[in-house]
Structures are given as structure tokens and as C-alpha cells.
C-alpha atoms as a PDB file:
ATOM      1  CA  UNK A   1      12.295 183.962 -38.559  1.00  0.00           C
ATOM      2  CA  UNK A   2      13.095 185.979 -35.354  1.00  0.00           C
ATOM      3  CA  UNK A   3      16.484 186.684 -36.272  1.00  0.00           C
ATOM      4  CA  UNK A   4      14.894 188.558 -39.565  1.00  0.00           C
ATOM      5  CA  UNK A   5      12.041 189.888 -37.296  1.00  0.00           C
ATOM      6  CA  UNK A   6      12.026 190.312 -34.367  1.00  0.00           C
ATOM      7  CA  UNK A   7      12.721 194.049 -33.588  1.00  0.00           C
ATOM      8  CA  UNK A   8       9.652 194.676 -36.438  1.00  0.00           C
ATOM      9  CA  UNK A   9       7.625 192.452 -34.852  1.00  0.00           C
ATOM     10  CA  UNK A  10       7.938 193.698 -30.822  1.00  0.00           C
ATOM     11  CA  UNK A  11       7.334 197.218 -32.804  1.00  0.00           C
ATOM     12  CA  UNK A  12       4.390 196.102 -33.878  1.00  0.00           C
ATOM     13  CA  UNK A  13       3.226 194.099 -30.677  1.00  0.00           C
ATOM     14  CA  UNK A  14       4.170 197.327 -28.517  1.00  0.00           C
ATOM     15  CA  UNK A  15       2.098 200.069 -31.097  1.00  0.00           C
ATOM     16  CA  UNK A  16      -0.922 197.381 -31.280  1.00  0.00           C
ATOM     17  CA  UNK A  17      -1.382 197.302 -27.735  1.00  0.00           C
ATOM     18  CA  UNK A  18      -0.901 200.785 -27.062  1.00  0.00           C
ATOM     19  CA  UNK A  19      -3.837 201.073 -29.777  1.00  0.00           C
ATOM     20  CA  UNK A  20      -6.604 198.624 -28.647  1.00  0.00           C
ATOM     21  CA  UNK A  21      -5.692 200.359 -24.937  1.00  0.00           C
ATOM     22  CA  UNK A  22      -7.040 203.169 -26.192  1.00  0.00           C
ATOM     23  CA  UNK A  23     -10.211 201.555 -28.137  1.00  0.00           C
ATOM     24  CA  UNK A  24     -11.125 199.739 -25.287  1.00  0.00           C
ATOM     25  CA  UNK A  25     -10.558 203.426 -23.052  1.00  0.00           C
ATOM     26  CA  UNK A  26     -13.124 204.620 -25.494  1.00  0.00           C
ATOM     27  CA  UNK A  27     -15.611 202.304 -25.774  1.00  0.00           C
ATOM     28  CA  UNK A  28     -15.443 201.999 -21.338  1.00  0.00           C
ATOM     29  CA  UNK A  29     -16.149 205.202 -21.757  1.00  0.00           C
ATOM     30  CA  UNK A  30     -19.055 205.548 -24.546  1.00  0.00           C
ATOM     31  CA  UNK A  31     -20.784 202.622 -22.783  1.00  0.00           C
ATOM     32  CA  UNK A  32     -20.458 203.673 -18.596  1.00  0.00           C
ATOM     33  CA  UNK A  33     -23.338 205.994 -17.818  1.00  0.00           C
ATOM     34  CA  UNK A  34     -21.086 208.494 -16.276  1.00  0.00           C
ATOM     35  CA  UNK A  35     -23.797 211.074 -14.739  1.00  0.00           C
ATOM     36  CA  UNK A  36     -21.540 214.102 -14.723  1.00  0.00           C
ATOM     37  CA  UNK A  37     -20.881 215.883 -18.204  1.00  0.00           C
ATOM     38  CA  UNK A  38     -17.095 217.516 -17.139  1.00  0.00           C
ATOM     39  CA  UNK A  39     -15.633 213.774 -16.604  1.00  0.00           C
ATOM     40  CA  UNK A  40     -16.196 212.367 -19.506  1.00  0.00           C
ATOM     41  CA  UNK A  41     -15.199 215.702 -21.458  1.00  0.00           C
ATOM     42  CA  UNK A  42     -11.604 215.451 -19.149  1.00  0.00           C
ATOM     43  CA  UNK A  43     -11.879 211.099 -19.836  1.00  0.00           C
ATOM     44  CA  UNK A  44     -11.966 212.056 -23.810  1.00  0.00           C
ATOM     45  CA  UNK A  45      -9.437 214.466 -23.181  1.00  0.00           C
ATOM     46  CA  UNK A  46      -7.424 211.937 -21.292  1.00  0.00           C
ATOM     47  CA  UNK A  47      -7.840 209.980 -24.497  1.00  0.00           C
ATOM     48  CA  UNK A  48      -5.818 212.513 -26.869  1.00  0.00           C
ATOM     49  CA  UNK A  49      -3.380 213.258 -24.833  1.00  0.00           C
ATOM     50  CA  UNK A  50      -2.708 209.759 -24.685  1.00  0.00           C
ATOM     51  CA  UNK A  51      -2.573 209.856 -28.618  1.00  0.00           C
ATOM     52  CA  UNK A  52      -0.369 213.394 -29.023  1.00  0.00           C
ATOM     53  CA  UNK A  53       2.271 211.734 -26.510  1.00  0.00           C
ATOM     54  CA  UNK A  54       2.493 208.394 -28.372  1.00  0.00           C
ATOM     55  CA  UNK A  55       2.548 209.959 -32.235  1.00  0.00           C
ATOM     56  CA  UNK A  56       5.327 211.866 -30.211  1.00  0.00           C
ATOM     57  CA  UNK A  57       7.188 209.246 -29.171  1.00  0.00           C
ATOM     58  CA  UNK A  58       8.079 207.608 -32.207  1.00  0.00           C
ATOM     59  CA  UNK A  59       5.196 208.696 -35.433  1.00  0.00           C
ATOM     60  CA  UNK A  60       7.863 206.747 -38.109  1.00  0.00           C
ATOM     61  CA  UNK A  61       5.566 204.449 -38.340  1.00  0.00           C
ATOM     62  CA  UNK A  62       3.108 205.983 -39.795  1.00  0.00           C
ATOM     63  CA  UNK A  63       5.641 208.073 -42.152  1.00  0.00           C
ATOM     64  CA  UNK A  64       5.907 204.465 -43.126  1.00  0.00           C
ATOM     65  CA  UNK A  65       3.337 203.456 -43.699  1.00  0.00           C
ATOM     66  CA  UNK A  66       2.109 206.611 -45.844  1.00  0.00           C
ATOM     67  CA  UNK A  67      -0.705 207.211 -43.660  1.00  0.00           C
ATOM     68  CA  UNK A  68       2.063 210.745 -43.237  1.00  0.00           C
ATOM     69  CA  UNK A  69       2.873 212.144 -46.701  1.00  0.00           C
ATOM     70  CA  UNK A  70       6.163 213.596 -47.079  1.00  0.00           C
ATOM     71  CA  UNK A  71       6.993 216.442 -45.711  1.00  0.00           C
ATOM     72  CA  UNK A  72       3.737 216.699 -42.845  1.00  0.00           C
ATOM     73  CA  UNK A  73       4.839 217.597 -40.559  1.00  0.00           C
END
């Protein structure tokens, strides 16, 4: 099984780790009482930048899964 799917397992683990990191980050921001609203706004922006950076590195899985339709930019 490792011979056939090792690369796919590693890729899946990496994507899952990035996804869970974002979920935990957003959950922590929403649960914490942040006194300065500007800080909360900047942390949300940081999360969006993380997502865009991740998508710019490798968005092929989204095309393969059908999330992005053919021809989507």
C-alpha cells in the first residue's frame, strides 16, 4: 500500500495539517476576548493571507476534487 499511495498520503497529510491549522487559528481568534478590534481584524486578514498563500502554492487538488470547475482562474 505504501508503494502505491505513499505520495498521496503525504500530500493529504500536508493539506489536512494546513486546514486544521487554519481551523484552530480561527477558532482561537473567535473564542478569545481581544480588546483591540483592530488586532482581531488583522488576525483575520492574516488567516486570509495564509489561505491565499496555500492556494497559490498548490491548488491542483481543488481542481481534481471538482471544487474548481475547468477554466476557473
